[in-house]
Amino acid sequence: MKTMELNRAVGPLREYARAHPSQPLVLTTKGKPVAALIHLDHADWESVSLGLNPKFIALIERCRQRAKKEGTVPLEQVKRNLNVADMTRPRKKG
C-alpha cells in the first residue's frame, strides 16, 4: 500500500491510478487516512456501492453480532429443513 499526503497530490488523477495498479493509494492529511484510490478489477457497481454504504455496513455488523450472540443454523440443517439436495456432490448418471 502506498501513501501520499493529500497536499502533495497535485497531478491528474489518472496518473495516480495508473502508477500503482496493484496496490491502493491512501491519501493522508497530517498522517491520517482521508481517502483511497483503489483499482476495481473484478468488482461490479452493486458490490462497490453496497460495500461503501454506511447503512448496509451497519446492517451486516448487527447481523454478525446477533449471530455471535445467538448462534447460527448449520448449512446442512437448513438444507434438510428446505429438503434441498447437496449440490456439491456429483449426480449419478442414468
N, C-alpha and C. Protein backbone atom coordinates (compact mmCIF):
# COMPACT_ATOMS: atom_id res chain seq x y z
N MET A 1 0.85 -1.17 0.00
CA MET A 1 0.00 0.00 0.00
C MET A 1 0.90 1.23 0.00
N LYS A 2 0.56 2.15 -0.86
CA LYS A 2 1.31 3.40 -0.96
C LYS A 2 0.51 4.52 -0.31
N THR A 3 1.20 5.43 0.36
CA THR A 3 0.53 6.58 0.96
C THR A 3 1.10 7.87 0.41
N MET A 4 0.28 8.91 0.45
CA MET A 4 0.72 10.22 -0.01
C MET A 4 -0.08 11.28 0.73
N GLU A 5 0.61 12.33 1.15
CA GLU A 5 -0.10 13.45 1.77
C GLU A 5 -0.98 14.11 0.71
N LEU A 6 -2.19 14.42 1.09
CA LEU A 6 -3.17 14.98 0.17
C LEU A 6 -2.66 16.26 -0.50
N ASN A 7 -1.97 17.10 0.24
CA ASN A 7 -1.50 18.36 -0.35
C ASN A 7 -0.39 18.15 -1.38
N ARG A 8 0.19 16.93 -1.44
CA ARG A 8 1.20 16.63 -2.46
C ARG A 8 0.57 16.03 -3.71
N ALA A 9 -0.68 15.64 -3.65
CA ALA A 9 -1.37 15.01 -4.79
C ALA A 9 -1.91 16.11 -5.71
N VAL A 10 -1.02 16.65 -6.54
CA VAL A 10 -1.41 17.76 -7.40
C VAL A 10 -1.50 17.36 -8.88
N GLY A 11 -1.11 16.13 -9.20
CA GLY A 11 -1.17 15.67 -10.58
C GLY A 11 -2.55 15.18 -10.97
N PRO A 12 -2.73 14.89 -12.25
CA PRO A 12 -4.01 14.35 -12.70
C PRO A 12 -4.31 12.99 -12.04
N LEU A 13 -5.55 12.78 -11.71
CA LEU A 13 -5.98 11.55 -11.05
C LEU A 13 -5.60 10.31 -11.84
N ARG A 14 -5.71 10.37 -13.15
CA ARG A 14 -5.39 9.20 -13.97
C ARG A 14 -3.94 8.76 -13.80
N GLU A 15 -3.03 9.71 -13.55
CA GLU A 15 -1.63 9.35 -13.34
C GLU A 15 -1.46 8.52 -12.07
N TYR A 16 -2.15 8.90 -11.02
CA TYR A 16 -2.07 8.15 -9.77
C TYR A 16 -2.70 6.77 -9.92
N ALA A 17 -3.80 6.71 -10.66
CA ALA A 17 -4.48 5.43 -10.86
C ALA A 17 -3.61 4.47 -11.66
N ARG A 18 -2.86 4.97 -12.60
CA ARG A 18 -2.01 4.12 -13.45
C ARG A 18 -0.67 3.80 -12.81
N ALA A 19 -0.21 4.63 -11.89
CA ALA A 19 1.13 4.48 -11.32
C ALA A 19 1.29 3.20 -10.51
N HIS A 20 0.28 2.81 -9.76
CA HIS A 20 0.37 1.63 -8.90
C HIS A 20 -0.89 0.80 -9.03
N PRO A 21 -1.07 0.12 -10.15
CA PRO A 21 -2.33 -0.61 -10.38
C PRO A 21 -2.54 -1.80 -9.46
N SER A 22 -1.49 -2.30 -8.82
CA SER A 22 -1.65 -3.50 -8.00
C SER A 22 -1.85 -3.20 -6.52
N GLN A 23 -1.82 -1.93 -6.13
CA GLN A 23 -1.99 -1.61 -4.73
C GLN A 23 -2.75 -0.29 -4.56
N PRO A 24 -3.44 -0.13 -3.45
CA PRO A 24 -4.17 1.12 -3.24
C PRO A 24 -3.24 2.27 -2.93
N LEU A 25 -3.70 3.47 -3.23
CA LEU A 25 -3.01 4.69 -2.85
C LEU A 25 -3.88 5.36 -1.80
N VAL A 26 -3.35 5.47 -0.58
CA VAL A 26 -4.09 6.08 0.50
C VAL A 26 -3.60 7.52 0.66
N LEU A 27 -4.54 8.44 0.56
CA LEU A 27 -4.22 9.86 0.74
C LEU A 27 -4.41 10.22 2.20
N THR A 28 -3.45 10.96 2.74
CA THR A 28 -3.49 11.29 4.16
C THR A 28 -3.43 12.80 4.37
N THR A 29 -3.91 13.22 5.53
CA THR A 29 -3.76 14.59 5.99
C THR A 29 -3.16 14.50 7.39
N LYS A 30 -1.98 15.07 7.54
CA LYS A 30 -1.24 15.01 8.80
C LYS A 30 -1.07 13.56 9.26
N GLY A 31 -0.84 12.67 8.29
CA GLY A 31 -0.59 11.27 8.59
C GLY A 31 -1.83 10.41 8.79
N LYS A 32 -3.01 11.01 8.78
CA LYS A 32 -4.25 10.24 8.97
C LYS A 32 -4.91 9.99 7.62
N PRO A 33 -5.38 8.76 7.36
CA PRO A 33 -6.01 8.46 6.07
C PRO A 33 -7.32 9.24 5.89
N VAL A 34 -7.48 9.83 4.71
CA VAL A 34 -8.71 10.58 4.40
C VAL A 34 -9.41 10.07 3.15
N ALA A 35 -8.67 9.38 2.28
CA ALA A 35 -9.25 8.87 1.04
C ALA A 35 -8.34 7.77 0.50
N ALA A 36 -8.90 6.95 -0.39
CA ALA A 36 -8.10 5.90 -1.02
C ALA A 36 -8.47 5.78 -2.48
N LEU A 37 -7.48 5.53 -3.29
CA LEU A 37 -7.68 5.28 -4.71
C LEU A 37 -7.32 3.82 -4.93
N ILE A 38 -8.32 3.01 -5.31
CA ILE A 38 -8.09 1.59 -5.50
C ILE A 38 -8.61 1.15 -6.87
N HIS A 39 -7.99 0.12 -7.41
CA HIS A 39 -8.46 -0.45 -8.66
C HIS A 39 -9.63 -1.38 -8.35
N LEU A 40 -10.60 -1.37 -9.22
CA LEU A 40 -11.80 -2.17 -9.00
C LEU A 40 -11.91 -3.32 -10.00
N ASP A 41 -10.78 -3.92 -10.29
CA ASP A 41 -10.80 -5.11 -11.14
C ASP A 41 -11.67 -6.16 -10.47
N HIS A 42 -12.48 -6.81 -11.22
CA HIS A 42 -13.34 -7.89 -10.74
C HIS A 42 -14.40 -7.40 -9.75
N ALA A 43 -14.78 -6.15 -9.83
CA ALA A 43 -15.83 -5.61 -8.96
C ALA A 43 -16.95 -5.06 -9.84
N ASP A 44 -18.18 -5.15 -9.33
CA ASP A 44 -19.30 -4.57 -10.06
C ASP A 44 -19.85 -3.40 -9.26
N TRP A 45 -20.69 -2.59 -9.91
CA TRP A 45 -21.23 -1.39 -9.27
C TRP A 45 -21.99 -1.71 -7.99
N GLU A 46 -22.77 -2.79 -8.01
CA GLU A 46 -23.57 -3.13 -6.84
C GLU A 46 -22.68 -3.45 -5.64
N SER A 47 -21.63 -4.23 -5.84
CA SER A 47 -20.72 -4.57 -4.75
C SER A 47 -20.03 -3.33 -4.19
N VAL A 48 -19.60 -2.47 -5.09
CA VAL A 48 -18.91 -1.25 -4.65
C VAL A 48 -19.86 -0.35 -3.87
N SER A 49 -21.06 -0.14 -4.41
CA SER A 49 -22.00 0.77 -3.74
C SER A 49 -22.46 0.21 -2.40
N LEU A 50 -22.70 -1.09 -2.31
CA LEU A 50 -23.10 -1.68 -1.03
C LEU A 50 -21.95 -1.68 -0.03
N GLY A 51 -20.77 -1.96 -0.51
CA GLY A 51 -19.60 -2.00 0.37
C GLY A 51 -19.24 -0.65 0.97
N LEU A 52 -19.71 0.42 0.35
CA LEU A 52 -19.42 1.77 0.85
C LEU A 52 -20.63 2.41 1.52
N ASN A 53 -21.74 1.71 1.58
CA ASN A 53 -22.97 2.26 2.14
C ASN A 53 -22.98 2.06 3.66
N PRO A 54 -22.95 3.15 4.44
CA PRO A 54 -22.90 3.01 5.90
C PRO A 54 -24.09 2.25 6.49
N LYS A 55 -25.28 2.39 5.91
CA LYS A 55 -26.45 1.67 6.42
C LYS A 55 -26.29 0.17 6.18
N PHE A 56 -25.79 -0.21 5.02
CA PHE A 56 -25.59 -1.62 4.73
C PHE A 56 -24.51 -2.21 5.63
N ILE A 57 -23.42 -1.48 5.81
CA ILE A 57 -22.34 -1.94 6.67
C ILE A 57 -22.85 -2.12 8.10
N ALA A 58 -23.67 -1.19 8.58
CA ALA A 58 -24.24 -1.29 9.93
C ALA A 58 -25.16 -2.52 10.03
N LEU A 59 -25.94 -2.79 9.00
CA LEU A 59 -26.82 -3.95 8.98
C LEU A 59 -26.00 -5.25 9.07
N ILE A 60 -24.95 -5.34 8.30
CA ILE A 60 -24.09 -6.52 8.32
C ILE A 60 -23.48 -6.70 9.71
N GLU A 61 -23.02 -5.61 10.31
CA GLU A 61 -22.42 -5.70 11.64
C GLU A 61 -23.44 -6.15 12.68
N ARG A 62 -24.67 -5.64 12.60
CA ARG A 62 -25.73 -6.08 13.53
C ARG A 62 -26.00 -7.58 13.36
N CYS A 63 -26.04 -8.03 12.13
CA CYS A 63 -26.27 -9.46 11.86
C CYS A 63 -25.13 -10.31 12.41
N ARG A 64 -23.90 -9.85 12.26
CA ARG A 64 -22.76 -10.60 12.79
C ARG A 64 -22.81 -10.67 14.31
N GLN A 65 -23.15 -9.56 14.94
CA GLN A 65 -23.24 -9.55 16.41
C GLN A 65 -24.35 -10.47 16.89
N ARG A 66 -25.49 -10.45 16.19
CA ARG A 66 -26.60 -11.32 16.57
C ARG A 66 -26.22 -12.79 16.41
N ALA A 67 -25.55 -13.11 15.31
CA ALA A 67 -25.12 -14.49 15.07
C ALA A 67 -24.12 -14.93 16.13
N LYS A 68 -23.24 -14.02 16.53
CA LYS A 68 -22.25 -14.34 17.55
C LYS A 68 -22.94 -14.60 18.90
N LYS A 69 -23.96 -13.81 19.19
CA LYS A 69 -24.67 -13.92 20.46
C LYS A 69 -25.62 -15.12 20.48
N GLU A 70 -26.40 -15.29 19.41
CA GLU A 70 -27.46 -16.30 19.39
C GLU A 70 -27.06 -17.59 18.69
N GLY A 71 -25.98 -17.56 17.93
CA GLY A 71 -25.58 -18.73 17.16
C GLY A 71 -26.25 -18.76 15.80
N THR A 72 -25.86 -19.71 15.01
CA THR A 72 -26.40 -19.85 13.65
C THR A 72 -26.87 -21.28 13.43
N VAL A 73 -27.58 -21.48 12.36
CA VAL A 73 -28.06 -22.81 11.98
C VAL A 73 -27.08 -23.37 10.95
N PRO A 74 -26.55 -24.57 11.17
CA PRO A 74 -25.62 -25.16 10.21
C PRO A 74 -26.28 -25.31 8.83
N LEU A 75 -25.49 -25.15 7.78
CA LEU A 75 -26.00 -25.23 6.41
C LEU A 75 -26.70 -26.55 6.15
N GLU A 76 -26.15 -27.64 6.65
CA GLU A 76 -26.78 -28.95 6.43
C GLU A 76 -28.18 -28.99 7.02
N GLN A 77 -28.38 -28.35 8.17
CA GLN A 77 -29.71 -28.30 8.78
C GLN A 77 -30.67 -27.48 7.93
N VAL A 78 -30.19 -26.37 7.38
CA VAL A 78 -31.04 -25.55 6.50
C VAL A 78 -31.45 -26.36 5.29
N LYS A 79 -30.51 -27.09 4.70
CA LYS A 79 -30.83 -27.92 3.53
C LYS A 79 -31.87 -28.98 3.88
N ARG A 80 -31.72 -29.61 5.05
CA ARG A 80 -32.69 -30.62 5.47
C ARG A 80 -34.06 -29.97 5.66
N ASN A 81 -34.08 -28.82 6.31
CA ASN A 81 -35.36 -28.13 6.55
C ASN A 81 -36.06 -27.75 5.24
N LEU A 82 -35.27 -27.39 4.24
CA LEU A 82 -35.83 -26.99 2.94
C LEU A 82 -35.94 -28.14 1.97
N ASN A 83 -35.48 -29.33 2.37
CA ASN A 83 -35.48 -30.51 1.52
C ASN A 83 -34.71 -30.25 0.22
N VAL A 84 -33.51 -29.69 0.38
CA VAL A 84 -32.66 -29.36 -0.76
C VAL A 84 -31.51 -30.35 -0.81
N ALA A 85 -31.27 -30.89 -1.99
CA ALA A 85 -30.17 -31.85 -2.17
C ALA A 85 -28.84 -31.10 -2.11
N ASP A 86 -27.80 -31.82 -1.73
CA ASP A 86 -26.46 -31.24 -1.70
C ASP A 86 -25.97 -31.07 -3.13
N MET A 87 -25.80 -29.84 -3.56
CA MET A 87 -25.43 -29.54 -4.94
C MET A 87 -23.92 -29.68 -5.17
N THR A 88 -23.15 -29.92 -4.12
CA THR A 88 -21.71 -30.03 -4.28
C THR A 88 -21.30 -31.45 -4.69
N ARG A 89 -22.15 -32.43 -4.50
CA ARG A 89 -21.82 -33.80 -4.88
C ARG A 89 -22.20 -34.05 -6.33
N PRO A 90 -21.37 -34.77 -7.06
CA PRO A 90 -21.73 -35.08 -8.45
C PRO A 90 -22.98 -35.96 -8.50
N ARG A 91 -23.81 -35.69 -9.47
CA ARG A 91 -25.02 -36.50 -9.64
C ARG A 91 -24.71 -37.79 -10.35
N LYS A 92 -25.44 -38.83 -10.00
CA LYS A 92 -25.26 -40.13 -10.66
C LYS A 92 -25.89 -40.08 -12.05
N LYS A 93 -25.21 -40.65 -13.00
CA LYS A 93 -25.72 -40.70 -14.37
C LYS A 93 -26.65 -41.90 -14.50
N GLY A 94 -27.70 -41.71 -15.31
CA GLY A 94 -28.55 -42.84 -15.62
C GLY A 94 -29.81 -42.76 -14.96
